[in-house]
N, C-alpha and C. Protein backbone atom coordinates (compact mmCIF):
# COMPACT_ATOMS: atom_id res chain seq x y z
N MET A 1 41.40 6.32 43.39
CA MET A 1 41.60 7.64 42.80
C MET A 1 41.42 7.56 41.28
N ASP A 2 41.04 8.65 40.70
CA ASP A 2 40.90 8.79 39.26
C ASP A 2 39.90 7.77 38.68
N TYR A 3 38.73 7.66 39.35
CA TYR A 3 37.67 6.75 38.90
C TYR A 3 37.25 7.05 37.46
N GLU A 4 37.24 8.33 37.13
CA GLU A 4 36.72 8.72 35.82
C GLU A 4 37.52 8.09 34.68
N THR A 5 38.82 8.20 34.70
CA THR A 5 39.63 7.68 33.59
C THR A 5 39.90 6.19 33.71
N LYS A 6 39.97 5.66 34.92
CA LYS A 6 40.31 4.24 35.10
C LYS A 6 39.08 3.32 35.05
N ILE A 7 37.97 3.78 35.55
CA ILE A 7 36.80 2.90 35.63
C ILE A 7 35.65 3.42 34.77
N LEU A 8 35.24 4.64 35.00
CA LEU A 8 34.02 5.16 34.39
C LEU A 8 34.11 5.25 32.86
N LEU A 9 35.09 5.94 32.32
CA LEU A 9 35.18 6.13 30.87
C LEU A 9 35.34 4.82 30.11
N PRO A 10 36.21 3.88 30.53
CA PRO A 10 36.30 2.63 29.78
C PRO A 10 34.99 1.84 29.77
N VAL A 11 34.28 1.83 30.89
CA VAL A 11 33.01 1.10 30.95
C VAL A 11 31.97 1.80 30.08
N VAL A 12 31.89 3.12 30.16
CA VAL A 12 30.91 3.87 29.36
C VAL A 12 31.20 3.69 27.87
N GLU A 13 32.45 3.87 27.46
CA GLU A 13 32.79 3.73 26.04
C GLU A 13 32.54 2.31 25.55
N GLY A 14 32.93 1.33 26.33
CA GLY A 14 32.71 -0.06 25.94
C GLY A 14 31.23 -0.41 25.84
N THR A 15 30.46 0.08 26.78
CA THR A 15 29.02 -0.18 26.77
C THR A 15 28.36 0.48 25.56
N ILE A 16 28.72 1.72 25.31
CA ILE A 16 28.14 2.42 24.16
C ILE A 16 28.48 1.68 22.87
N LYS A 17 29.76 1.32 22.69
CA LYS A 17 30.17 0.60 21.48
C LYS A 17 29.44 -0.74 21.37
N ASP A 18 29.28 -1.42 22.48
CA ASP A 18 28.62 -2.73 22.48
C ASP A 18 27.15 -2.61 22.07
N ILE A 19 26.44 -1.69 22.68
CA ILE A 19 25.00 -1.55 22.41
C ILE A 19 24.78 -0.97 21.02
N ILE A 20 25.49 0.09 20.67
CA ILE A 20 25.31 0.71 19.36
C ILE A 20 25.73 -0.23 18.24
N GLY A 21 26.72 -1.07 18.50
CA GLY A 21 27.18 -2.02 17.49
C GLY A 21 26.14 -3.06 17.13
N LYS A 22 25.13 -3.24 17.96
CA LYS A 22 24.07 -4.20 17.66
C LYS A 22 23.04 -3.65 16.67
N TRP A 23 23.05 -2.35 16.46
CA TRP A 23 22.07 -1.71 15.58
C TRP A 23 22.73 -1.32 14.27
N ASN A 24 21.97 -1.41 13.17
CA ASN A 24 22.51 -0.80 11.95
C ASN A 24 22.20 0.68 12.04
N ALA A 25 22.94 1.47 11.28
CA ALA A 25 22.88 2.93 11.42
C ALA A 25 21.48 3.49 11.22
N GLN A 26 20.78 3.00 10.22
CA GLN A 26 19.44 3.52 9.93
C GLN A 26 18.48 3.21 11.08
N ASP A 27 18.56 2.00 11.63
CA ASP A 27 17.67 1.62 12.72
C ASP A 27 18.02 2.32 14.03
N LEU A 28 19.29 2.63 14.21
CA LEU A 28 19.71 3.30 15.44
C LEU A 28 19.03 4.65 15.58
N ILE A 29 18.92 5.38 14.48
CA ILE A 29 18.30 6.70 14.53
C ILE A 29 16.84 6.59 14.94
N SER A 30 16.13 5.63 14.35
CA SER A 30 14.71 5.52 14.66
C SER A 30 14.44 4.82 16.00
N ASN A 31 15.46 4.13 16.54
CA ASN A 31 15.29 3.42 17.81
C ASN A 31 16.23 3.98 18.89
N ARG A 32 16.47 5.26 18.82
CA ARG A 32 17.39 5.91 19.75
C ARG A 32 16.98 5.70 21.21
N GLU A 33 15.70 5.79 21.50
CA GLU A 33 15.23 5.65 22.88
C GLU A 33 15.51 4.26 23.43
N ARG A 34 15.29 3.25 22.60
CA ARG A 34 15.55 1.87 23.06
C ARG A 34 17.04 1.65 23.28
N ALA A 35 17.86 2.15 22.37
CA ALA A 35 19.31 2.01 22.52
C ALA A 35 19.78 2.74 23.78
N THR A 36 19.23 3.93 24.02
CA THR A 36 19.58 4.69 25.22
C THR A 36 19.20 3.91 26.47
N SER A 37 18.03 3.32 26.49
CA SER A 37 17.57 2.53 27.63
C SER A 37 18.48 1.32 27.86
N ASP A 38 18.86 0.64 26.76
CA ASP A 38 19.76 -0.52 26.88
C ASP A 38 21.12 -0.12 27.45
N ILE A 39 21.63 1.01 26.98
CA ILE A 39 22.92 1.51 27.49
C ILE A 39 22.81 1.82 28.97
N LEU A 40 21.75 2.51 29.37
CA LEU A 40 21.55 2.85 30.78
C LEU A 40 21.52 1.60 31.65
N GLN A 41 20.75 0.61 31.24
CA GLN A 41 20.65 -0.63 32.04
C GLN A 41 22.00 -1.32 32.17
N LYS A 42 22.75 -1.38 31.07
CA LYS A 42 24.05 -2.05 31.12
C LYS A 42 25.04 -1.26 31.98
N LEU A 43 25.02 0.06 31.85
CA LEU A 43 25.91 0.88 32.70
C LEU A 43 25.58 0.70 34.17
N GLN A 44 24.29 0.69 34.50
CA GLN A 44 23.89 0.51 35.89
C GLN A 44 24.39 -0.81 36.44
N SER A 45 24.25 -1.88 35.67
CA SER A 45 24.68 -3.19 36.18
C SER A 45 26.20 -3.30 36.26
N GLN A 46 26.93 -2.70 35.33
CA GLN A 46 28.39 -2.82 35.34
C GLN A 46 29.06 -1.91 36.37
N LEU A 47 28.48 -0.75 36.60
CA LEU A 47 29.12 0.19 37.52
C LEU A 47 28.64 0.05 38.96
N LYS A 48 27.60 -0.73 39.16
CA LYS A 48 27.07 -0.93 40.51
C LYS A 48 28.12 -1.53 41.44
N ASP A 49 28.91 -2.47 40.95
CA ASP A 49 29.93 -3.11 41.78
C ASP A 49 31.05 -2.14 42.18
N ASN A 50 31.19 -1.03 41.45
CA ASN A 50 32.20 -0.03 41.77
C ASN A 50 31.60 1.14 42.55
N CYS A 51 30.42 0.91 43.09
CA CYS A 51 29.73 1.92 43.91
C CYS A 51 29.40 3.20 43.13
N ILE A 52 29.14 3.03 41.86
CA ILE A 52 28.71 4.17 41.03
C ILE A 52 27.26 3.93 40.66
N ASP A 53 26.41 4.87 41.04
CA ASP A 53 24.98 4.76 40.78
C ASP A 53 24.63 5.63 39.57
N VAL A 54 24.34 4.99 38.45
CA VAL A 54 23.99 5.72 37.23
C VAL A 54 22.48 5.92 37.25
N THR A 55 22.06 7.17 37.19
CA THR A 55 20.63 7.47 37.26
C THR A 55 20.02 7.81 35.91
N ASP A 56 20.86 8.22 34.97
CA ASP A 56 20.31 8.58 33.67
C ASP A 56 21.42 8.55 32.62
N PHE A 57 21.02 8.36 31.39
CA PHE A 57 21.96 8.41 30.27
C PHE A 57 21.19 8.96 29.08
N GLN A 58 21.81 9.89 28.37
CA GLN A 58 21.17 10.51 27.20
C GLN A 58 22.11 10.48 26.00
N MET A 59 21.57 10.09 24.85
CA MET A 59 22.30 10.26 23.59
C MET A 59 21.76 11.53 22.98
N THR A 60 22.57 12.56 22.99
CA THR A 60 22.09 13.85 22.52
C THR A 60 22.33 14.07 21.03
N ASP A 61 23.30 13.39 20.46
CA ASP A 61 23.60 13.63 19.06
C ASP A 61 24.25 12.39 18.46
N ILE A 62 23.77 11.99 17.32
CA ILE A 62 24.38 10.88 16.59
C ILE A 62 24.88 11.47 15.29
N ASN A 63 26.19 11.49 15.11
CA ASN A 63 26.78 12.10 13.93
C ASN A 63 27.34 11.05 13.00
N TYR A 64 26.99 11.17 11.73
CA TYR A 64 27.54 10.32 10.68
C TYR A 64 28.19 11.23 9.65
N SER A 65 29.04 10.68 8.84
CA SER A 65 29.66 11.49 7.79
C SER A 65 28.59 11.88 6.78
N LYS A 66 28.84 12.96 6.05
CA LYS A 66 27.87 13.44 5.05
C LYS A 66 27.61 12.37 3.99
N VAL A 67 28.65 11.66 3.59
CA VAL A 67 28.51 10.62 2.57
C VAL A 67 27.61 9.50 3.10
N PHE A 68 27.82 9.11 4.36
CA PHE A 68 27.02 8.05 4.96
C PHE A 68 25.57 8.48 5.10
N GLU A 69 25.34 9.71 5.56
CA GLU A 69 23.97 10.22 5.70
C GLU A 69 23.27 10.27 4.35
N GLN A 70 24.01 10.67 3.30
CA GLN A 70 23.43 10.72 1.95
C GLN A 70 23.09 9.31 1.47
N ALA A 71 23.95 8.34 1.79
CA ALA A 71 23.69 6.95 1.40
C ALA A 71 22.43 6.43 2.08
N ILE A 72 22.25 6.76 3.36
CA ILE A 72 21.04 6.34 4.09
C ILE A 72 19.81 7.00 3.46
N GLU A 73 19.91 8.28 3.17
CA GLU A 73 18.78 8.99 2.57
C GLU A 73 18.43 8.39 1.20
N ASN A 74 19.45 8.08 0.39
CA ASN A 74 19.21 7.47 -0.92
C ASN A 74 18.55 6.10 -0.78
N LYS A 75 18.99 5.34 0.22
CA LYS A 75 18.41 4.01 0.44
C LYS A 75 16.93 4.13 0.83
N VAL A 76 16.64 5.05 1.73
CA VAL A 76 15.26 5.24 2.16
C VAL A 76 14.39 5.69 0.99
N THR A 77 14.90 6.61 0.18
CA THR A 77 14.16 7.08 -0.99
C THR A 77 13.91 5.95 -1.96
N ALA A 78 14.92 5.12 -2.21
CA ALA A 78 14.76 3.99 -3.12
C ALA A 78 13.73 2.99 -2.59
N GLU A 79 13.76 2.74 -1.29
CA GLU A 79 12.78 1.82 -0.69
C GLU A 79 11.36 2.37 -0.82
N GLN A 80 11.21 3.68 -0.62
CA GLN A 80 9.89 4.30 -0.74
C GLN A 80 9.38 4.23 -2.18
N GLU A 81 10.27 4.47 -3.14
CA GLU A 81 9.87 4.40 -4.54
C GLU A 81 9.51 2.97 -4.93
N ALA A 82 10.26 2.00 -4.42
CA ALA A 82 9.95 0.60 -4.70
C ALA A 82 8.60 0.23 -4.11
N GLN A 83 8.30 0.72 -2.93
CA GLN A 83 7.01 0.44 -2.30
C GLN A 83 5.88 1.08 -3.09
N ARG A 84 6.10 2.31 -3.58
CA ARG A 84 5.08 2.98 -4.40
C ARG A 84 4.82 2.18 -5.68
N ALA A 85 5.89 1.69 -6.30
CA ALA A 85 5.74 0.89 -7.53
C ALA A 85 4.98 -0.40 -7.23
N LYS A 86 5.30 -1.02 -6.11
CA LYS A 86 4.61 -2.25 -5.72
C LYS A 86 3.13 -1.97 -5.47
N ASN A 87 2.83 -0.88 -4.78
CA ASN A 87 1.43 -0.51 -4.53
C ASN A 87 0.69 -0.24 -5.84
N LYS A 88 1.37 0.41 -6.80
CA LYS A 88 0.75 0.69 -8.10
C LYS A 88 0.46 -0.62 -8.83
N THR A 89 1.38 -1.58 -8.74
CA THR A 89 1.17 -2.88 -9.37
C THR A 89 -0.05 -3.58 -8.78
N VAL A 90 -0.15 -3.56 -7.47
CA VAL A 90 -1.31 -4.17 -6.80
C VAL A 90 -2.59 -3.47 -7.23
N GLN A 91 -2.56 -2.15 -7.33
CA GLN A 91 -3.74 -1.39 -7.74
C GLN A 91 -4.15 -1.77 -9.17
N VAL A 92 -3.17 -1.86 -10.07
CA VAL A 92 -3.47 -2.22 -11.46
C VAL A 92 -4.04 -3.63 -11.53
N GLN A 93 -3.47 -4.54 -10.75
CA GLN A 93 -3.99 -5.91 -10.74
C GLN A 93 -5.43 -5.96 -10.24
N GLU A 94 -5.74 -5.21 -9.19
CA GLU A 94 -7.09 -5.18 -8.65
C GLU A 94 -8.07 -4.57 -9.66
N GLU A 95 -7.64 -3.51 -10.34
CA GLU A 95 -8.51 -2.91 -11.35
C GLU A 95 -8.77 -3.89 -12.49
N ALA A 96 -7.74 -4.65 -12.87
CA ALA A 96 -7.91 -5.65 -13.93
C ALA A 96 -8.89 -6.74 -13.49
N LYS A 97 -8.78 -7.17 -12.24
CA LYS A 97 -9.72 -8.17 -11.71
C LYS A 97 -11.15 -7.65 -11.75
N GLN A 98 -11.32 -6.39 -11.38
CA GLN A 98 -12.66 -5.79 -11.39
C GLN A 98 -13.22 -5.74 -12.80
N LYS A 99 -12.37 -5.42 -13.78
CA LYS A 99 -12.84 -5.38 -15.17
C LYS A 99 -13.24 -6.77 -15.64
N VAL A 100 -12.47 -7.78 -15.26
CA VAL A 100 -12.80 -9.16 -15.64
C VAL A 100 -14.13 -9.57 -15.02
N ILE A 101 -14.32 -9.25 -13.75
CA ILE A 101 -15.57 -9.59 -13.07
C ILE A 101 -16.75 -8.89 -13.74
N ALA A 102 -16.57 -7.60 -14.08
CA ALA A 102 -17.65 -6.85 -14.73
C ALA A 102 -17.95 -7.44 -16.11
N ALA A 103 -16.91 -7.81 -16.85
CA ALA A 103 -17.12 -8.40 -18.18
C ALA A 103 -17.82 -9.75 -18.07
N GLU A 104 -17.44 -10.56 -17.10
CA GLU A 104 -18.10 -11.86 -16.91
C GLU A 104 -19.57 -11.66 -16.54
N ALA A 105 -19.86 -10.69 -15.70
CA ALA A 105 -21.24 -10.42 -15.31
C ALA A 105 -22.04 -9.95 -16.52
N GLU A 106 -21.46 -9.08 -17.33
CA GLU A 106 -22.15 -8.60 -18.53
C GLU A 106 -22.39 -9.74 -19.51
N ALA A 107 -21.40 -10.64 -19.65
CA ALA A 107 -21.56 -11.79 -20.55
C ALA A 107 -22.68 -12.70 -20.07
N ARG A 108 -22.75 -12.94 -18.76
CA ARG A 108 -23.84 -13.76 -18.20
C ARG A 108 -25.19 -13.09 -18.43
N SER A 109 -25.23 -11.77 -18.24
CA SER A 109 -26.46 -11.03 -18.45
C SER A 109 -26.92 -11.14 -19.91
N MET A 110 -25.99 -11.00 -20.82
CA MET A 110 -26.32 -11.09 -22.25
C MET A 110 -26.80 -12.51 -22.59
N ALA A 111 -26.16 -13.51 -22.02
CA ALA A 111 -26.57 -14.90 -22.28
C ALA A 111 -27.98 -15.14 -21.77
N ILE A 112 -28.30 -14.62 -20.60
CA ILE A 112 -29.65 -14.78 -20.03
C ILE A 112 -30.68 -14.08 -20.92
N ARG A 113 -30.35 -12.85 -21.36
CA ARG A 113 -31.27 -12.12 -22.24
C ARG A 113 -31.48 -12.86 -23.56
N ALA A 114 -30.37 -13.33 -24.14
CA ALA A 114 -30.46 -14.04 -25.42
C ALA A 114 -31.34 -15.28 -25.28
N GLN A 115 -31.15 -16.00 -24.18
CA GLN A 115 -31.96 -17.20 -23.95
C GLN A 115 -33.44 -16.82 -23.80
N ALA A 116 -33.71 -15.76 -23.06
CA ALA A 116 -35.10 -15.32 -22.87
C ALA A 116 -35.72 -14.88 -24.19
N LEU A 117 -34.95 -14.16 -25.01
CA LEU A 117 -35.47 -13.70 -26.29
C LEU A 117 -35.71 -14.86 -27.25
N SER A 118 -34.85 -15.86 -27.21
CA SER A 118 -35.03 -17.00 -28.12
C SER A 118 -36.24 -17.84 -27.70
N GLN A 119 -36.60 -17.82 -26.45
CA GLN A 119 -37.74 -18.61 -25.98
C GLN A 119 -39.05 -17.86 -26.14
N ASN A 120 -39.01 -16.54 -26.24
CA ASN A 120 -40.24 -15.76 -26.33
C ASN A 120 -40.05 -14.67 -27.37
N LYS A 121 -40.53 -14.92 -28.59
CA LYS A 121 -40.32 -13.99 -29.71
C LYS A 121 -41.01 -12.65 -29.47
N SER A 122 -42.13 -12.64 -28.79
CA SER A 122 -42.81 -11.37 -28.56
C SER A 122 -42.04 -10.47 -27.59
N LEU A 123 -41.10 -11.05 -26.85
CA LEU A 123 -40.26 -10.26 -25.94
C LEU A 123 -39.36 -9.31 -26.73
N VAL A 124 -39.00 -9.70 -27.96
CA VAL A 124 -38.19 -8.83 -28.80
C VAL A 124 -38.98 -7.56 -29.10
N GLN A 125 -40.23 -7.70 -29.48
CA GLN A 125 -41.07 -6.53 -29.75
C GLN A 125 -41.28 -5.71 -28.48
N TYR A 126 -41.46 -6.38 -27.35
CA TYR A 126 -41.64 -5.68 -26.08
C TYR A 126 -40.40 -4.82 -25.78
N GLU A 127 -39.23 -5.37 -25.96
CA GLU A 127 -37.99 -4.62 -25.72
C GLU A 127 -37.92 -3.42 -26.66
N ALA A 128 -38.30 -3.62 -27.92
CA ALA A 128 -38.27 -2.51 -28.88
C ALA A 128 -39.22 -1.40 -28.46
N VAL A 129 -40.43 -1.77 -28.02
CA VAL A 129 -41.40 -0.77 -27.58
C VAL A 129 -40.87 -0.02 -26.36
N GLN A 130 -40.22 -0.70 -25.46
CA GLN A 130 -39.68 -0.05 -24.26
C GLN A 130 -38.63 1.00 -24.61
N LYS A 131 -37.88 0.76 -25.69
CA LYS A 131 -36.82 1.69 -26.08
C LYS A 131 -37.30 2.73 -27.09
N TRP A 132 -38.51 2.56 -27.63
CA TRP A 132 -39.01 3.44 -28.68
C TRP A 132 -39.33 4.82 -28.12
N ASP A 133 -38.95 5.86 -28.84
CA ASP A 133 -39.20 7.23 -28.39
C ASP A 133 -40.55 7.77 -28.85
N GLY A 134 -41.34 6.94 -29.52
CA GLY A 134 -42.68 7.33 -29.93
C GLY A 134 -42.74 7.98 -31.30
N LYS A 135 -41.64 8.15 -31.98
CA LYS A 135 -41.61 8.79 -33.29
C LYS A 135 -41.45 7.72 -34.37
N MET A 136 -42.20 7.88 -35.45
CA MET A 136 -42.07 6.98 -36.58
C MET A 136 -40.83 7.38 -37.37
N PRO A 137 -40.21 6.45 -38.06
CA PRO A 137 -39.03 6.78 -38.86
C PRO A 137 -39.36 7.81 -39.93
N GLN A 138 -38.46 8.74 -40.17
CA GLN A 138 -38.64 9.78 -41.19
C GLN A 138 -38.42 9.20 -42.59
N TYR A 139 -37.44 8.36 -42.70
CA TYR A 139 -37.10 7.80 -44.00
C TYR A 139 -37.05 6.28 -43.91
N MET A 140 -37.54 5.63 -44.92
CA MET A 140 -37.42 4.18 -45.02
C MET A 140 -36.93 3.90 -46.42
N LEU A 141 -35.75 3.42 -46.52
CA LEU A 141 -35.15 3.16 -47.83
C LEU A 141 -35.43 1.73 -48.26
N GLY A 142 -35.49 1.54 -49.54
CA GLY A 142 -35.67 0.21 -50.07
C GLY A 142 -36.99 -0.39 -49.65
N ASN A 143 -36.99 -1.66 -49.47
CA ASN A 143 -38.22 -2.34 -49.06
C ASN A 143 -38.17 -2.68 -47.58
N SER A 144 -37.68 -1.74 -46.79
CA SER A 144 -37.61 -1.98 -45.35
C SER A 144 -39.00 -1.94 -44.74
N VAL A 145 -39.14 -2.73 -43.72
CA VAL A 145 -40.42 -2.85 -43.04
C VAL A 145 -40.23 -2.32 -41.63
N PRO A 146 -41.16 -1.56 -41.12
CA PRO A 146 -40.99 -1.08 -39.73
C PRO A 146 -40.81 -2.25 -38.78
N PHE A 147 -40.00 -2.02 -37.78
CA PHE A 147 -39.67 -3.06 -36.80
C PHE A 147 -40.89 -3.47 -35.99
N ILE A 148 -41.73 -2.51 -35.70
CA ILE A 148 -42.90 -2.76 -34.87
C ILE A 148 -44.12 -2.83 -35.79
N ASN A 149 -44.92 -3.81 -35.62
CA ASN A 149 -46.14 -3.95 -36.40
C ASN A 149 -47.16 -2.95 -35.87
N VAL A 150 -47.44 -1.93 -36.69
CA VAL A 150 -48.35 -0.87 -36.24
C VAL A 150 -49.78 -1.14 -36.67
N ASN A 151 -50.05 -2.22 -37.37
CA ASN A 151 -51.42 -2.57 -37.76
C ASN A 151 -52.15 -3.10 -36.54
N PRO A 152 -53.38 -2.65 -36.35
CA PRO A 152 -54.13 -3.16 -35.20
C PRO A 152 -54.39 -4.66 -35.35
N ALA A 153 -54.39 -5.33 -34.24
CA ALA A 153 -54.62 -6.78 -34.25
C ALA A 153 -56.04 -7.07 -34.66
N LYS A 154 -56.25 -8.10 -35.44
CA LYS A 154 -57.58 -8.45 -35.93
C LYS A 154 -58.18 -9.54 -35.12
């Protein structure tokens, strides 16, 4: 007689406390289905010997104090902000690496050009002609000489 108060409620309360006690509060909310499944399995095994067949178990509401809920929310917000800061640091580091790679490539390019120009003096004039817009200088101060020799070759 009185299975509910003598057998059922103590087993249900003990099982719930046991299973929920294995989870921290923040994880319990996100893993409610797994906790519910664990409770159901444990209830089924413990109550089977008392001829009680448990077919389902539902956690419909998990209530925490307002202070505790605010603490969880603050913790989650702080973790998200820390992750954003970490991601920004990684992004800045990657951008710095890219700038270093680009600068090294530009330095190699300049070294190759300098070597080519030092080995072939006429290449300097060729480069100047390639960049020339076809207009002669308007003003020549002092005893400056045009960069390109405009006298026909003899």
